[in-house]
Amino acid sequence: MGQKTNPIGLRVTVNKDWRSQWFANKRDFPKLVAEDFAIRQYLKKKLESASVSRILIERAANRCRVTIRTARPGVVIGRKGAEIDRIKEELARMTGKEIYIHIDDNFKPEVEAQLIAENVALQLERRVSFRRAMKKAIQSARDCRDVKIEGIKIRCAGRLGGAELARVEQYHWGRVPLHTLRAHIDYGFAEANTVYGRIGVKCWVCFGESPTTGNRGRTVPGATATVNGARTQA
């Protein structure tokens, strides 16, 4: 039977990296994991309107560097940097560590899986037809000229349209090979709190595949791959 797993966690060390990068001994590890969770939860709530797709955390000794990947850096920084200073102070008070915040806006929100899922969820909360919201999101991703994608899939589950029975609906375009580990797949999940109940939205975006590798991780000579719409040869 098919088993469901997170596409990003499945590809860690293959073509994805950890979103928290630090080392700790056995005694401190649980405390730091809980701290990472609290930081992400606080930032997601605080920057709800800033289109935050990813939060990366790096630690070294008594310092903590937080990278916020956002489509609206102006909202995070605030007027004359007032908002980002407030966030720094709050995180320093929460963790008791020296906090550095880096903002990354060098990406296209139209093809960022987490932002696509959150956008569809927001439209569902505003009572937009789920079919229309999903189709519009797929079309926007397809029309993005700067980053070419090979495929996209969006799935909504719950009491869609206020129906008595919960069901699952999905739309997809192109190819999204979830079983292929070398495929670069981005994944996002969001929930819409409607008057009928909670609706879950999942999104998968495929950007192409890495070159095939040999037994010891060496790239096979002559192997070709398609990444972001461009063919590369080893």
Protein backbone atom coordinates (compact mmCIF):
# COMPACT_ATOMS: atom_id res chain seq x y z
CA MET A 1 0.00 0.00 0.00
CA GLY A 2 1.16 3.56 -0.67
CA GLN A 3 2.62 5.35 2.33
CA LYS A 4 2.35 9.13 2.72
CA THR A 5 5.53 11.00 3.63
CA ASN A 6 6.72 14.59 3.55
CA PRO A 7 8.52 15.15 0.19
CA ILE A 8 11.04 17.55 1.77
CA GLY A 9 11.96 15.27 4.69
CA LEU A 10 12.29 12.34 2.29
CA ARG A 11 14.83 14.27 0.17
CA VAL A 12 17.01 15.63 2.97
CA THR A 13 20.69 14.91 2.07
CA VAL A 14 19.63 14.01 -1.51
CA ASN A 15 18.82 17.51 -2.81
CA LYS A 16 17.29 19.28 0.22
CA ASP A 17 18.97 20.75 3.31
CA TRP A 18 17.92 20.91 6.95
CA ARG A 19 15.88 23.98 7.92
CA SER A 20 17.57 24.07 11.33
CA GLN A 21 21.36 23.86 11.28
CA TRP A 22 23.12 23.38 14.61
CA PHE A 23 24.69 20.73 16.81
CA ALA A 24 23.84 20.03 20.46
CA ASN A 25 24.57 17.36 23.04
CA LYS A 26 21.95 14.96 24.34
CA ARG A 27 21.01 17.18 27.29
CA ASP A 28 20.39 20.40 25.31
CA PHE A 29 18.86 18.88 22.17
CA PRO A 30 15.15 18.72 23.28
CA LYS A 31 15.29 22.29 24.63
CA LEU A 32 16.69 23.67 21.35
CA VAL A 33 14.16 21.77 19.21
CA ALA A 34 11.33 23.26 21.32
CA GLU A 35 12.99 26.69 20.99
CA ASP A 36 13.11 26.37 17.18
CA PHE A 37 9.42 25.44 17.15
CA ALA A 38 8.54 28.44 19.35
CA ILE A 39 10.55 30.83 17.11
CA ARG A 40 8.80 29.58 13.96
CA GLN A 41 5.37 29.71 15.60
CA TYR A 42 5.95 33.28 16.83
CA LEU A 43 7.23 34.53 13.45
CA LYS A 44 4.43 32.84 11.49
CA LYS A 45 1.82 34.50 13.73
CA LYS A 46 3.57 37.89 13.86
CA LEU A 47 4.26 38.03 10.09
CA GLU A 48 0.98 36.51 8.93
CA SER A 49 0.52 39.21 6.27
CA ALA A 50 4.15 39.16 5.06
CA SER A 51 3.89 35.99 2.90
CA VAL A 52 6.61 34.06 4.79
CA SER A 53 7.35 30.78 3.02
CA ARG A 54 10.29 29.45 5.03
CA ILE A 55 12.20 30.16 8.26
CA LEU A 56 15.79 28.87 8.52
CA ILE A 57 17.60 28.76 11.87
CA GLU A 58 21.37 28.51 12.44
CA ARG A 59 23.06 28.41 15.83
CA ALA A 60 26.65 28.83 17.03
CA ALA A 61 27.50 29.08 20.74
CA ASN A 62 25.25 31.80 22.19
CA ARG A 63 24.25 33.28 18.83
CA CYS A 64 21.23 32.47 16.68
CA ARG A 65 20.76 33.51 13.06
CA VAL A 66 17.20 33.48 11.68
CA THR A 67 16.68 33.72 7.91
CA ILE A 68 13.15 34.76 6.91
CA ARG A 69 12.19 33.93 3.33
CA THR A 70 9.44 36.42 2.50
CA ALA A 71 7.73 37.83 -0.59
CA ARG A 72 7.06 41.17 1.20
CA PRO A 73 10.28 42.32 2.92
CA GLY A 74 8.84 45.81 3.54
CA VAL A 75 6.26 44.38 5.95
CA VAL A 76 8.97 42.51 7.91
CA ILE A 77 11.36 45.48 8.12
CA GLY A 78 8.72 48.10 8.89
CA ARG A 79 9.17 51.87 8.80
CA LYS A 80 12.85 52.74 9.35
CA GLY A 81 13.48 49.16 10.53
CA ALA A 82 11.22 49.51 13.58
CA GLU A 83 9.38 46.20 13.06
CA ILE A 84 12.51 44.08 12.61
CA ASP A 85 14.06 45.62 15.75
CA ARG A 86 10.92 44.73 17.72
CA ILE A 87 11.09 41.13 16.43
CA LYS A 88 14.79 40.91 17.40
CA GLU A 89 14.08 42.11 20.94
CA GLU A 90 11.18 39.68 21.37
CA LEU A 91 13.20 36.69 20.12
CA ALA A 92 16.15 37.65 22.31
CA ARG A 93 13.81 37.78 25.32
CA MET A 94 12.29 34.38 24.39
CA THR A 95 15.60 32.57 23.84
CA GLY A 96 18.09 34.52 25.95
CA LYS A 97 20.52 34.52 22.99
CA GLU A 98 22.01 37.07 20.61
CA ILE A 99 19.68 37.20 17.57
CA TYR A 100 20.58 38.06 13.98
CA ILE A 101 17.82 38.33 11.38
CA HIS A 102 18.48 37.97 7.65
CA ILE A 103 15.73 38.57 5.07
CA ASP A 104 15.70 36.59 1.83
CA ASP A 105 13.40 37.88 -0.92
CA ASN A 106 15.31 36.45 -3.89
CA PHE A 107 12.61 34.06 -5.14
CA LYS A 108 9.36 33.99 -7.10
CA PRO A 109 6.26 33.67 -4.85
CA GLU A 110 4.18 32.34 -7.81
CA VAL A 111 6.11 29.02 -7.72
CA GLU A 112 6.72 28.74 -3.94
CA ALA A 113 4.61 25.77 -2.78
CA GLN A 114 3.95 27.07 0.76
CA LEU A 115 2.75 30.46 -0.50
CA ILE A 116 0.55 28.83 -3.15
CA ALA A 117 -1.12 26.65 -0.48
CA GLU A 118 -1.60 29.64 1.85
CA ASN A 119 -3.04 31.75 -0.98
CA VAL A 120 -5.61 29.05 -1.87
CA ALA A 121 -6.50 28.64 1.84
CA LEU A 122 -7.01 32.41 2.18
CA GLN A 123 -9.35 32.44 -0.83
CA LEU A 124 -11.36 29.53 0.62
CA GLU A 125 -11.80 31.54 3.85
CA ARG A 126 -13.15 34.41 1.73
CA ARG A 127 -15.73 32.01 0.21
CA VAL A 128 -14.17 31.88 -3.25
CA SER A 129 -14.98 28.69 -5.18
CA PHE A 130 -12.29 26.08 -4.44
CA ARG A 131 -12.11 25.05 -8.11
CA ARG A 132 -11.55 28.62 -9.21
CA ALA A 133 -8.88 29.21 -6.53
CA MET A 134 -6.96 26.03 -7.44
CA LYS A 135 -7.10 26.63 -11.20
CA LYS A 136 -5.98 30.24 -10.80
CA ALA A 137 -2.98 29.19 -8.66
CA ILE A 138 -1.91 26.59 -11.23
CA GLN A 139 -2.23 29.10 -14.07
CA SER A 140 -0.13 31.68 -12.19
CA ALA A 141 2.64 29.11 -11.60
CA ARG A 142 2.57 28.07 -15.27
CA ASP A 143 2.77 31.69 -16.46
CA CYS A 144 5.84 32.54 -14.33
CA ARG A 145 8.54 33.41 -16.88
CA ASP A 146 11.61 33.67 -14.66
CA VAL A 147 11.36 30.16 -13.15
CA LYS A 148 10.12 27.31 -15.32
CA ILE A 149 8.42 24.44 -13.55
CA GLU A 150 7.81 20.91 -14.86
CA GLY A 151 4.59 20.32 -12.94
CA ILE A 152 2.31 21.37 -10.09
CA LYS A 153 -0.37 19.60 -8.06
CA ILE A 154 -2.84 21.12 -5.58
CA ARG A 155 -5.15 19.10 -3.33
CA CYS A 156 -7.99 20.34 -1.10
CA ALA A 157 -9.66 18.11 1.50
CA GLY A 158 -12.62 18.78 3.79
CA ARG A 159 -16.19 20.07 3.52
CA LEU A 160 -15.63 21.73 0.15
CA GLY A 161 -18.32 24.24 -0.76
CA GLY A 162 -20.09 23.53 2.56
CA ALA A 163 -21.03 19.98 1.51
CA GLU A 164 -22.41 17.63 4.14
CA LEU A 165 -19.80 14.97 3.35
CA ALA A 166 -16.07 15.78 3.37
CA ARG A 167 -14.21 14.90 0.18
CA VAL A 168 -10.90 15.40 -1.62
CA GLU A 169 -10.46 17.34 -4.88
CA GLN A 170 -7.20 17.89 -6.73
CA TYR A 171 -5.94 19.55 -9.89
CA HIS A 172 -2.55 19.05 -11.49
CA TRP A 173 -0.54 20.10 -14.50
CA GLY A 174 2.65 18.54 -15.89
CA ARG A 175 4.62 15.90 -14.01
CA VAL A 176 5.21 15.65 -10.26
CA PRO A 177 7.19 12.39 -9.68
CA LEU A 178 6.95 11.99 -5.89
CA HIS A 179 8.69 8.56 -5.97
CA THR A 180 11.76 9.97 -7.76
CA LEU A 181 14.19 11.12 -5.05
CA ARG A 182 16.41 13.08 -7.45
CA ALA A 183 13.42 15.23 -8.49
CA HIS A 184 13.47 18.76 -7.02
CA ILE A 185 10.02 18.97 -5.40
CA ASP A 186 8.81 21.78 -3.17
CA TYR A 187 5.91 21.07 -0.79
CA GLY A 188 3.54 23.35 1.09
CA PHE A 189 0.60 22.85 3.46
CA ALA A 190 -1.99 25.28 4.82
CA GLU A 191 -5.37 25.15 6.53
CA ALA A 192 -8.45 27.26 5.85
CA ASN A 193 -10.74 27.86 8.84
CA THR A 194 -14.15 28.19 7.17
CA VAL A 195 -17.61 28.40 8.81
CA TYR A 196 -18.21 24.76 7.76
CA GLY A 197 -15.00 23.47 9.30
CA ARG A 198 -11.31 23.20 8.56
CA ILE A 199 -10.13 22.57 4.99
CA GLY A 200 -6.59 21.32 4.31
CA VAL A 201 -4.65 22.51 1.25
CA LYS A 202 -1.53 20.75 -0.03
CA CYS A 203 0.69 21.82 -2.91
CA TRP A 204 3.56 20.10 -4.73
CA VAL A 205 5.76 21.88 -7.31
CA CYS A 206 8.33 20.05 -9.47
CA PHE A 207 11.36 22.00 -10.77
CA GLY A 208 13.08 19.16 -12.66
CA GLU A 209 15.61 16.45 -11.77
CA SER A 210 19.25 16.31 -10.67
CA PRO A 211 21.80 14.42 -12.82
CA THR A 212 21.93 10.67 -12.10
CA THR A 213 24.80 9.49 -9.86
CA GLY A 214 26.93 6.35 -9.73
CA ASN A 215 27.55 3.95 -6.81
CA ARG A 216 29.71 6.34 -4.78
CA GLY A 217 27.75 9.53 -5.47
CA ARG A 218 29.83 10.47 -8.53
CA THR A 219 27.96 12.04 -11.44
CA VAL A 220 27.70 9.66 -14.39
CA PRO A 221 29.55 11.18 -17.42
CA GLY A 222 27.17 12.29 -20.16
CA ALA A 223 24.11 12.35 -17.87
CA THR A 224 21.66 15.15 -18.62
CA ALA A 225 19.17 16.84 -16.33
CA THR A 226 16.50 19.50 -16.57
CA VAL A 227 16.63 22.02 -13.73
CA ASN A 228 14.53 25.23 -13.89
CA GLY A 229 13.84 24.62 -17.57
CA ALA A 230 17.53 24.43 -18.63
CA ARG A 231 19.23 21.20 -19.72
CA THR A 232 22.63 20.54 -18.16
CA GLN A 233 25.18 17.88 -19.09
CA ALA A 234 27.79 16.31 -16.81
